[in-house]
Protein backbone atom coordinates (compact mmCIF):
# COMPACT_ATOMS: atom_id res chain seq x y z
CA MET A 1 43.17 126.60 -3.12
CA SER A 2 46.30 125.56 -4.00
CA ASN A 3 46.49 122.94 -6.95
CA LEU A 4 47.41 119.96 -4.47
CA PRO A 5 43.99 118.20 -4.50
CA ILE A 6 43.98 118.45 -8.32
CA LYS A 7 47.21 116.71 -8.94
CA ALA A 8 46.89 113.87 -6.08
CA ILE A 9 43.63 113.35 -8.35
CA ALA A 10 45.17 112.70 -11.29
CA ALA A 11 48.24 111.27 -10.43
CA ALA A 12 45.12 108.85 -9.15
CA VAL A 13 42.75 108.24 -11.87
CA LEU A 14 45.74 108.52 -14.77
CA PRO A 15 47.14 104.65 -14.35
CA LEU A 16 43.44 103.30 -14.33
CA VAL A 17 41.59 105.33 -17.04
CA VAL A 18 44.88 103.97 -19.35
CA GLY A 19 44.38 100.79 -18.65
CA ALA A 20 40.75 100.66 -19.19
CA CYS A 21 41.45 102.15 -22.72
CA THR A 22 43.70 99.09 -23.44
CA THR A 23 42.47 95.42 -24.85
CA THR A 24 44.42 92.74 -25.92
CA ALA A 25 46.02 92.89 -28.87
CA SER A 26 44.39 89.33 -30.29
CA TYR A 27 41.57 90.85 -30.06
CA ASP A 28 41.99 94.36 -31.54
CA ASN A 29 39.66 94.36 -34.35
CA LEU A 30 36.31 93.92 -32.47
CA SER A 31 35.19 96.62 -32.76
CA ASP A 32 34.96 95.69 -36.43
CA PRO A 33 31.22 94.33 -36.75
CA SER A 34 31.64 92.33 -39.65
CA ILE A 35 34.25 90.09 -37.62
CA GLY A 36 32.16 87.33 -36.69
CA PHE A 37 30.05 87.35 -40.20
CA THR A 38 33.88 86.69 -42.09
CA ASN A 39 34.32 83.38 -40.71
CA VAL A 40 30.46 82.36 -41.07
CA ALA A 41 31.02 83.79 -45.05
CA ALA A 42 34.30 81.65 -45.37
CA ARG A 43 32.69 78.17 -44.14
CA THR A 44 29.57 78.20 -45.64
CA ALA A 45 30.94 79.34 -48.87
CA SER A 46 33.26 76.11 -48.80
CA VAL A 47 30.16 73.75 -48.42
CA THR A 48 27.39 75.42 -50.50
CA GLY A 49 29.68 76.98 -53.10
CA LYS A 50 26.94 80.41 -52.91
CA GLN A 51 27.89 83.66 -51.40
CA ALA A 52 26.06 85.08 -48.26
CA VAL A 53 25.92 88.74 -47.40
CA TRP A 54 25.13 90.70 -44.33
CA VAL A 55 23.19 93.64 -44.81
CA GLN A 56 24.22 96.64 -42.88
CA SER A 57 23.06 99.62 -44.53
CA SER A 58 19.59 100.89 -46.61
CA ALA A 59 22.76 101.28 -49.51
CA GLU A 60 23.47 97.33 -49.22
CA SER A 61 20.18 96.44 -48.81
CA GLN A 62 19.11 98.37 -51.76
CA ALA A 63 21.64 97.10 -54.28
CA LEU A 64 20.77 93.78 -52.99
CA ALA A 65 17.32 93.88 -53.83
CA GLU A 66 18.41 94.82 -57.41
CA ARG A 67 20.38 92.06 -57.69
CA VAL A 68 18.30 89.39 -56.38
CA ARG A 69 15.92 91.03 -58.98
CA GLY A 70 18.13 90.00 -61.68
CA LEU A 71 18.76 86.79 -60.62
CA VAL A 72 14.49 85.84 -60.22
CA GLN A 73 12.26 88.56 -62.55
CA ASN A 74 10.70 86.49 -65.43
CA LYS A 75 13.28 83.85 -65.38
CA THR A 76 13.61 80.27 -64.85
CA ILE A 77 15.65 79.27 -61.63
CA GLY A 78 17.77 76.26 -60.98
CA PRO A 79 18.26 75.22 -57.40
CA ASP A 80 21.68 77.24 -57.41
CA VAL A 81 20.36 80.07 -58.08
CA ALA A 82 17.18 79.53 -55.83
CA VAL A 83 20.03 78.75 -52.79
CA GLN A 84 21.76 81.72 -53.78
CA VAL A 85 19.30 84.22 -54.03
CA ALA A 86 17.65 82.49 -50.61
CA LEU A 87 21.26 83.40 -49.11
CA LEU A 88 20.94 86.91 -49.78
CA ASN A 89 17.30 87.94 -49.12
CA ASN A 90 16.17 85.87 -46.00
CA LYS A 91 15.68 87.89 -43.24
CA GLY A 92 15.84 85.41 -40.83
CA LEU A 93 19.41 84.31 -41.65
CA GLN A 94 20.30 88.21 -41.37
CA ALA A 95 18.69 88.35 -37.99
CA ALA A 96 21.29 84.77 -37.17
CA TYR A 97 23.99 87.53 -38.42
CA THR A 98 23.07 90.32 -36.42
CA ASP A 99 23.45 87.88 -33.32
CA THR A 100 27.66 87.43 -34.26
CA GLY A 101 28.03 91.03 -34.27
CA LEU A 102 26.03 91.26 -30.83
CA SER A 103 28.36 88.22 -29.75
CA ALA A 104 31.36 90.26 -30.71
CA ALA A 105 30.24 93.54 -28.62
CA ASP A 106 30.14 91.11 -25.44
CA LEU A 107 33.60 89.98 -26.09
CA TRP A 108 34.68 93.66 -27.02
CA GLN A 109 33.12 94.63 -23.75
CA GLU A 110 34.87 92.10 -21.87
CA THR A 111 38.12 92.74 -23.25
CA LEU A 112 37.94 96.58 -21.48
CA LEU A 113 38.80 96.91 -17.85
CA VAL A 114 36.03 97.91 -15.44
CA ASN A 115 35.65 101.93 -15.08
CA PRO A 116 37.19 103.32 -12.60
CA ARG A 117 34.73 105.29 -9.84
CA VAL A 118 35.83 108.49 -8.57
CA SER A 119 34.56 110.85 -5.43
CA ILE A 120 35.39 114.24 -4.45
CA GLY A 121 33.69 115.54 -1.05
CA ALA A 122 34.59 118.77 0.97
CA THR A 123 33.70 120.37 4.30
CA GLY A 124 33.97 123.17 6.31
CA ILE A 125 33.38 125.14 3.11
CA GLY A 126 33.98 129.29 4.23
CA GLY A 127 34.77 128.16 7.68
CA VAL A 128 38.25 127.79 9.69
CA SER A 129 38.81 124.64 8.46
CA ARG A 130 38.57 123.00 5.14
CA THR A 131 38.61 119.39 3.82
CA VAL A 132 38.91 117.97 1.07
CA GLU A 133 38.39 114.24 0.51
CA THR A 134 39.21 112.52 -2.68
CA ALA A 135 38.62 108.37 -3.94
CA VAL A 136 39.13 105.85 -6.65
CA VAL A 137 37.66 103.20 -6.10
CA SER A 138 38.50 99.91 -8.34
CA ASN A 139 36.75 96.69 -9.14
CA ILE A 140 40.03 94.12 -7.99
CA LEU A 141 37.99 91.21 -8.59
CA ALA A 142 36.56 92.08 -12.16
CA LEU A 143 40.99 93.24 -12.77
CA ILE A 144 41.86 89.21 -11.50
CA THR A 145 39.21 87.32 -12.72
CA ARG A 146 39.20 89.11 -16.45
CA PRO A 147 40.95 86.40 -18.37
CA LYS A 148 38.56 83.70 -17.27
CA ARG A 149 35.40 86.42 -18.50
CA VAL A 150 37.44 87.28 -21.95
CA ALA A 151 38.11 83.44 -22.49
CA VAL A 152 34.56 82.26 -21.83
CA ALA A 153 33.56 85.41 -23.84
CA ASP A 154 35.62 83.75 -27.04
CA ALA A 155 33.95 80.92 -26.46
CA ARG A 156 30.88 81.92 -27.17
CA PHE A 157 31.80 84.51 -30.00
CA ARG A 158 33.35 81.62 -31.59
CA GLN A 159 29.78 79.44 -30.88
CA ALA A 160 27.28 82.22 -32.49
CA GLN A 161 29.93 82.06 -35.10
CA LEU A 162 29.09 78.52 -35.98
CA ARG A 163 25.06 78.81 -34.88
CA ALA A 164 24.99 81.59 -38.09
CA ALA A 165 26.98 78.88 -40.21
CA GLU A 166 24.70 76.26 -39.07
CA GLU A 167 21.52 78.40 -39.90
CA THR A 168 23.09 79.31 -43.25
CA LEU A 169 23.58 75.82 -44.55
CA ARG A 170 19.70 75.03 -43.26
CA LEU A 171 18.52 77.14 -45.00
CA ALA A 172 20.43 76.51 -48.38
CA ALA A 173 19.39 73.19 -47.55
CA ASP A 174 15.62 73.39 -47.18
CA THR A 175 15.84 75.76 -49.96
CA ARG A 176 17.30 72.61 -52.31
CA ARG A 177 14.55 70.94 -50.84
CA ALA A 178 12.09 73.19 -51.52
CA TRP A 179 12.88 74.02 -55.28
CA ILE A 180 12.70 70.08 -55.66
CA ASN A 181 9.76 69.48 -53.90
CA ALA A 182 7.89 72.25 -56.88
CA VAL A 183 9.99 71.29 -59.82
CA SER A 184 8.39 67.46 -58.93
CA ALA A 185 5.18 68.46 -58.47
CA TRP A 186 4.81 70.44 -61.76
CA GLU A 187 6.71 67.09 -63.67
CA ARG A 188 3.94 65.33 -61.98
CA VAL A 189 1.21 67.57 -63.07
CA ALA A 190 2.71 67.69 -66.77
CA TYR A 191 2.57 64.18 -67.34
CA LEU A 192 -1.20 64.24 -65.67
CA ASN A 193 -2.45 66.40 -68.12
CA GLN A 194 -0.84 64.05 -70.63
CA ALA A 195 -2.76 60.91 -69.26
CA GLN A 196 -5.95 62.91 -68.55
CA ALA A 197 -5.57 63.43 -72.56
CA ALA A 198 -5.67 60.02 -72.91
CA ALA A 199 -8.16 59.19 -70.20
CA ASP A 200 -11.08 61.79 -72.37
CA ALA A 201 -10.42 59.74 -75.84
CA ALA A 202 -10.56 56.36 -73.98
CA SER A 203 -14.00 57.85 -72.02
CA GLU A 204 -15.29 59.04 -75.39
CA LEU A 205 -14.53 55.74 -77.71
CA ALA A 206 -16.19 54.11 -74.78
CA LYS A 207 -19.19 56.51 -75.40
CA LYS A 208 -19.25 55.48 -78.77
CA LEU A 209 -19.25 52.26 -78.30
CA GLY A 210 -21.51 51.84 -75.56
CA GLU A 211 -24.07 54.13 -78.76
CA THR A 212 -23.15 51.73 -80.91
CA GLY A 213 -24.04 48.67 -78.42
CA ALA A 214 -20.30 47.17 -79.23
CA PHE A 215 -19.43 48.13 -74.97
CA THR A 216 -21.60 47.33 -71.96
CA LYS A 217 -22.52 50.14 -69.65
CA SER A 218 -20.41 48.84 -66.88
CA GLY A 219 -17.69 48.66 -69.51
CA GLN A 220 -18.41 53.12 -70.19
CA ALA A 221 -18.64 53.51 -66.67
CA ARG A 222 -14.90 52.22 -65.71
CA GLU A 223 -13.72 54.58 -68.45
CA HIS A 224 -15.70 57.53 -67.65
CA VAL A 225 -15.10 57.27 -63.79
CA PHE A 226 -10.89 56.78 -64.52
CA TYR A 227 -11.44 60.20 -66.75
CA ALA A 228 -13.59 61.89 -63.61
CA GLU A 229 -10.70 60.26 -60.94
CA LEU A 230 -7.84 61.70 -62.93
CA ALA A 231 -9.40 64.95 -63.43
CA GLY A 232 -9.71 65.28 -59.55
CA GLN A 233 -6.08 64.07 -58.89
CA THR A 234 -4.64 66.33 -62.03
CA ALA A 235 -6.53 69.35 -60.07
CA GLU A 236 -4.99 68.34 -56.54
CA ALA A 237 -1.80 67.89 -57.53
CA ARG A 238 -2.19 71.57 -59.21
CA MET A 239 -3.26 72.69 -56.08
CA GLN A 240 -0.19 70.93 -54.69
CA ALA A 241 2.48 71.98 -56.97
CA ARG A 242 1.28 75.98 -55.95
CA THR A 243 1.74 75.12 -52.19
CA ALA A 244 5.03 73.72 -53.16
CA LYS A 245 6.43 76.46 -55.62
CA GLU A 246 4.87 79.24 -52.48
CA GLU A 247 7.30 77.72 -50.27
CA LEU A 248 10.39 77.80 -52.12
CA THR A 249 8.98 81.75 -52.76
CA ARG A 250 8.91 81.91 -48.72
CA LEU A 251 12.18 81.01 -48.47
CA MET A 252 13.99 83.01 -50.80
CA GLY A 253 12.03 85.89 -49.10
CA LEU A 254 10.08 87.16 -52.82
CA TRP A 255 7.39 89.43 -52.69
CA GLY A 256 5.84 91.83 -55.36
CA ASP A 257 6.96 91.54 -58.34
CA ASP A 258 9.99 89.27 -57.28
CA ILE A 259 7.42 86.20 -57.10
CA ASP A 260 6.79 86.50 -60.81
CA TYR A 261 9.89 83.92 -61.59
CA GLN A 262 9.16 80.35 -63.09
CA VAL A 263 10.79 76.57 -61.94
CA PRO A 264 11.85 73.35 -64.66
CA ASN A 265 9.07 71.09 -65.57
CA ALA A 266 11.07 68.14 -64.90
CA LEU A 267 13.60 67.25 -61.94
CA PRO A 268 17.34 66.42 -63.44
CA PRO A 269 17.79 63.22 -64.45
CA LEU A 270 19.81 60.56 -62.56
CA PRO A 271 23.60 60.61 -62.52
CA THR A 272 25.18 58.45 -64.54
CA SER A 273 27.14 57.07 -60.39
CA VAL A 274 26.61 57.48 -56.87
CA LYS A 275 28.98 59.28 -54.60
CA ALA A 276 31.51 56.96 -52.87
CA LYS A 277 31.31 57.21 -49.19
CA ARG A 278 33.86 54.81 -47.62
CA ALA A 279 34.46 57.05 -44.42
CA ILE A 280 31.31 58.89 -44.29
CA GLU A 281 31.41 58.36 -40.49
CA ALA A 282 34.37 59.78 -39.67
CA GLU A 283 34.41 62.69 -42.24
CA ALA A 284 30.72 64.02 -40.68
CA LEU A 285 32.44 63.89 -37.37
CA ARG A 286 35.01 65.69 -38.90
CA ASN A 287 32.29 68.72 -40.59
CA ARG A 288 29.50 68.75 -38.78
CA VAL A 289 28.94 72.35 -37.52
CA ASP A 290 26.39 71.32 -34.55
CA LEU A 291 29.68 69.13 -33.12
CA GLU A 292 31.81 71.66 -33.21
CA ILE A 293 28.84 74.17 -31.17
CA ALA A 294 28.57 71.71 -28.53
CA ARG A 295 32.40 70.81 -28.13
CA LEU A 296 32.49 74.92 -27.62
CA GLU A 297 29.78 74.82 -25.49
CA LEU A 298 31.36 72.59 -23.21
CA GLU A 299 34.71 74.32 -23.31
CA ALA A 300 32.46 77.63 -22.24
CA LEU A 301 31.46 75.94 -19.09
CA ALA A 302 34.81 74.45 -18.30
CA LEU A 303 36.34 78.25 -18.43
CA SER A 304 32.79 79.56 -16.70
CA TYR A 305 33.20 76.51 -13.75
CA GLY A 306 36.96 78.28 -13.42
CA LEU A 307 35.63 81.55 -13.11
CA THR A 308 33.25 80.17 -10.81
CA ASP A 309 35.55 78.49 -8.68
CA ALA A 310 37.82 82.35 -8.36
CA THR A 311 34.97 84.07 -7.09
CA ARG A 312 33.54 81.12 -5.42
CA TYR A 313 34.17 83.16 -1.91
CA LEU A 314 34.22 86.13 -2.99
CA THR A 315 31.60 87.84 -5.50
CA ASP A 316 32.85 91.41 -5.31
CA LEU A 317 36.05 93.09 -4.10
CA GLU A 318 36.73 96.62 -4.52
CA LEU A 319 39.35 98.20 -3.56
CA LEU A 320 39.20 102.37 -2.59
CA THR A 321 42.26 104.95 -2.40
CA GLY A 322 42.67 108.51 -2.62
CA VAL A 323 44.21 111.07 -0.05
CA GLU A 324 42.86 113.76 2.41
CA ILE A 325 43.85 117.46 2.14
CA GLU A 326 43.09 119.26 5.41
CA ARG A 327 43.47 122.70 5.99
CA GLU A 328 43.24 124.78 9.43
CA LYS A 329 43.88 128.39 10.22
CA GLU A 330 45.10 129.34 13.09
CA ASP A 331 46.47 132.69 14.44
CA GLY A 332 46.76 133.61 11.29
CA GLU A 333 48.38 130.73 9.79
CA THR A 334 47.68 128.21 7.48
CA GLU A 335 48.37 124.78 7.91
CA THR A 336 48.23 121.96 5.11
CA SER A 337 47.76 118.36 5.50
CA VAL A 338 48.18 115.53 3.70
CA ALA A 339 46.86 111.73 4.30
CA GLY A 340 46.73 109.40 2.19
CA ASN A 341 43.49 106.82 1.95
CA LEU A 342 42.98 102.78 1.23
CA GLU A 343 39.88 100.89 2.06
CA ALA A 344 38.57 97.24 1.21
CA ASP A 345 35.12 96.84 0.13
CA PHE A 346 34.55 92.70 -0.17
CA VAL A 347 31.27 90.70 0.29
CA ILE A 348 31.88 88.59 4.21
CA PRO A 349 30.70 85.07 2.58
CA ILE A 350 29.00 83.63 6.08
CA PHE A 351 25.87 82.57 4.44
CA ASP A 352 26.35 81.60 0.81
CA THR A 353 30.03 80.33 0.60
CA GLY A 354 29.74 79.39 -2.96
CA LYS A 355 28.49 75.94 -2.80
CA ALA A 356 25.41 75.83 -4.28
CA ARG A 357 27.08 78.49 -7.30
CA MET A 358 30.17 75.11 -7.94
CA ARG A 359 27.59 71.92 -7.32
CA LYS A 360 25.47 74.06 -10.30
CA ALA A 361 28.65 74.64 -12.36
CA GLU A 362 29.33 71.30 -12.15
CA LEU A 363 26.30 69.61 -12.88
CA ALA A 364 26.15 72.20 -16.12
CA TYR A 365 29.19 70.42 -17.36
CA MET A 366 28.39 67.38 -17.02
CA ARG A 367 25.08 67.56 -19.02
CA ALA A 368 27.21 69.33 -21.47
CA ALA A 369 29.84 66.73 -21.81
CA ASN A 370 27.09 64.01 -21.97
CA LEU A 371 24.59 65.89 -24.52
CA LEU A 372 28.22 66.10 -26.36
CA ALA A 373 28.67 63.15 -26.55
CA GLU A 374 24.93 61.94 -27.80
CA LYS A 375 25.66 64.30 -30.66
CA ALA A 376 28.38 62.07 -31.53
CA VAL A 377 26.52 59.17 -31.53
CA ASN A 378 23.54 59.97 -33.08
CA ILE A 379 25.91 61.96 -35.88
CA ARG A 380 27.72 58.65 -36.74
CA SER A 381 24.26 57.13 -37.17
CA GLU A 382 22.48 60.23 -39.41
CA ALA A 383 25.96 59.79 -41.58
CA ARG A 384 24.94 55.76 -41.72
CA GLY A 385 21.07 56.19 -42.59
CA ALA A 386 21.42 59.13 -45.23
CA TYR A 387 24.11 57.35 -46.93
CA ASP A 388 22.06 54.37 -46.78
CA ALA A 389 18.82 56.24 -48.07
CA TYR A 390 20.91 57.65 -50.63
CA ARG A 391 22.09 54.39 -52.47
CA SER A 392 18.87 53.30 -51.91
CA THR A 393 16.73 55.38 -53.68
CA TYR A 394 19.36 56.20 -56.35
CA ASP A 395 18.75 51.99 -56.77
CA ILE A 396 15.04 52.04 -56.93
CA ALA A 397 15.09 54.88 -59.03
CA ARG A 398 17.04 53.89 -61.49
CA HIS A 399 15.19 50.11 -61.74
CA TYR A 400 11.86 52.10 -62.25
CA ARG A 401 13.46 54.04 -65.09
CA SER A 402 15.72 51.63 -66.40
CA SER A 403 13.14 48.34 -65.71
CA VAL A 404 9.73 49.00 -64.77
CA VAL A 405 8.67 52.25 -67.06
CA PRO A 406 9.96 50.51 -70.23
CA LEU A 407 8.20 47.39 -69.58
CA ARG A 408 4.85 49.45 -68.88
CA THR A 409 5.32 50.99 -72.16
CA THR A 410 6.46 47.88 -74.18
CA ILE A 411 3.21 46.23 -72.87
CA GLU A 412 1.06 49.22 -74.19
CA GLU A 413 2.31 49.19 -77.66
CA GLU A 414 2.02 45.74 -77.87
CA SER A 415 -1.92 46.02 -76.75
CA VAL A 416 -2.13 48.86 -79.52
CA LEU A 417 -1.03 46.73 -82.10
CA THR A 418 -2.81 43.51 -81.05
CA TYR A 419 -6.02 45.47 -80.91
CA SER A 420 -5.20 47.22 -84.28
CA GLY A 421 -5.08 43.71 -85.71
CA MET A 422 -8.47 43.12 -83.88
CA ILE A 423 -6.66 40.69 -81.42
CA THR A 424 -7.04 42.63 -77.89
CA ASN A 425 -10.33 44.30 -77.27
CA THR A 426 -11.03 47.80 -76.02
CA PHE A 427 -10.76 47.52 -72.39
CA GLU A 428 -7.72 45.62 -72.13
CA LEU A 429 -5.95 48.20 -73.84
CA LEU A 430 -7.41 50.82 -71.50
CA ALA A 431 -6.21 48.85 -68.93
CA ASP A 432 -2.75 48.50 -70.24
CA THR A 433 -2.39 52.62 -69.80
CA ARG A 434 -3.83 52.95 -66.42
CA ALA A 435 -1.20 50.70 -65.78
CA LYS A 436 1.53 52.21 -67.22
CA ILE A 437 0.31 55.94 -65.90
CA ASN A 438 0.95 54.21 -62.23
CA SER A 439 4.16 53.60 -63.19
CA ILE A 440 5.06 56.43 -64.37
CA MET A 441 3.76 58.31 -61.61
CA LEU A 442 5.93 55.87 -59.19
CA SER A 443 9.34 57.34 -60.93
CA LEU A 444 8.90 60.18 -60.82
CA ASN A 445 8.09 59.34 -57.06
CA ALA A 446 11.18 57.55 -56.52
CA LYS A 447 13.44 60.41 -58.55
CA ARG A 448 12.29 63.13 -56.10
CA GLN A 449 13.42 60.75 -53.51
CA PHE A 450 17.11 59.98 -54.36
CA TRP A 451 17.32 64.08 -54.82
CA LEU A 452 15.97 64.39 -51.83
CA ALA A 453 18.55 61.71 -50.38
CA ASP A 454 20.97 64.02 -52.28
CA VAL A 455 20.66 67.08 -50.26
CA ASN A 456 20.52 65.03 -46.88
CA LEU A 457 23.84 63.01 -47.53
CA GLY A 458 25.33 67.24 -47.47
CA THR A 459 23.73 67.40 -44.40
CA ALA A 460 24.10 64.81 -42.26
CA VAL A 461 27.79 65.40 -43.49
CA HIS A 462 28.33 68.83 -42.84
CA GLY A 463 25.19 69.67 -40.75
CA GLY A 464 22.41 72.48 -41.34
CA GLY A 465 19.61 69.48 -41.43
CA GLY A 466 16.59 70.24 -40.25
CA SER A 467 12.86 69.33 -41.74
CA SER A 468 11.76 66.08 -40.74
CA PRO A 469 12.52 63.11 -43.22
CA ASP A 470 8.88 61.86 -42.76
CA ALA A 471 7.62 65.63 -43.92
CA GLU A 472 10.36 65.12 -46.73
CA ALA A 473 9.04 61.78 -47.93
CA SER A 474 5.54 62.83 -47.83
CA GLU A 475 3.74 62.79 -51.23
CA VAL A 476 4.05 66.87 -52.94
CA ALA A 477 2.34 67.38 -56.31
CA SER A 478 4.58 67.68 -59.35
CA ALA A 479 4.62 68.96 -63.16
CA GLY A 480 2.87 71.41 -65.83
CA ASP A 481 3.01 71.83 -69.28
CA GLU A 482 5.81 70.23 -71.06
CA GLY A 483 8.62 73.04 -71.86
CA GLY A 484 7.32 75.97 -70.20
CA GLY A 485 8.15 77.15 -66.56
CA HIS A 486 5.98 77.89 -63.72
């Protein structure tokens, strides 16, 4: 047999094989698994000021574990360290980063041409006549719609990056809230410990006065029950503080010896002034990650609609090209004939004319457009509400710090002086002490609410909100022994 069939096959296949190995110039780096994560890290670092890392090997994982251990083990950590550890160590976040790699691989796949199918057949082997058929089948419709498919995949790739960025911002915000709750809880415990010591002294004094007949049994019972109730509140506050710290540990992805860390016993003092946000709505519309995701969803559906329209009548179109070589022996002579083949294979749209698919594409686009409009309205409202809560909680916390607590302290000090001068009785002195304890607890909670509102203001502007305001506003315990960590 001559080399003619092999040459014919090569001539037919070579252009298609070369074309299948070529990608669009703008997508040359899609084979790099970190191509999408680079944008995610840059976007989130500008908001959080912390480094995000995508771990892709055991060596990287081990190095990161050592870094995390150095940040937390036997250390008293602040909110920035807690956020950094969460971004480095939270496994759920690592899974979100993997989605960007999967989306990049999908885009890479779409930039490649569909591989051609080659078929070779021979008949009449060993007989008088032999026929060799070769064919190369190419999906023409896939080639025609390739730019549209690449555009859709590119929009989805950008969406995946923004979703990963949103998850990063959400984890950072949740971790900062958890740190605030844990520190506030131990701060509450610390003050209850002090109050319990005072209540213990008062209970003991009431007992001694009762023994001398200077204090009624009902008065003694009031002091004893106040001490007993305060002991119960302190025990409950300790439990809540441990729970709050455990939530922080979970968000940071810590276990084993790494959980041997402490948090401060008190939240930072209130700032001297609050942030001015005169264009909070415009800033939120410009920076919110979830709004960008919704815009890209609309863009992707618009591109998908164009793809659906291009394939409305033909969902598959294949072109078969090849050669047929026939050899025949007659009267001792061999005759060879070569003929070219060209066939088209497509679906006839008799029953499904594509109208249903077009209707679904149109409705999906309309749905996404309405959701985008709704999100824009909601973001404006969230931004206004977050800033109002930020300013209001600051004013409330400052009021307790500057007015209520100092007045209660003055009342208690004066009660002590008048009690020493035998002007005020024991019952009145203890009542003033209880009132001061209540005011300080309200002041601690007001300070906690302000710092939570500060975190919520950031998520309202940049995105990443997730924890419900009701859950954040619920009472969580706060404080431990003075001067140490927990």
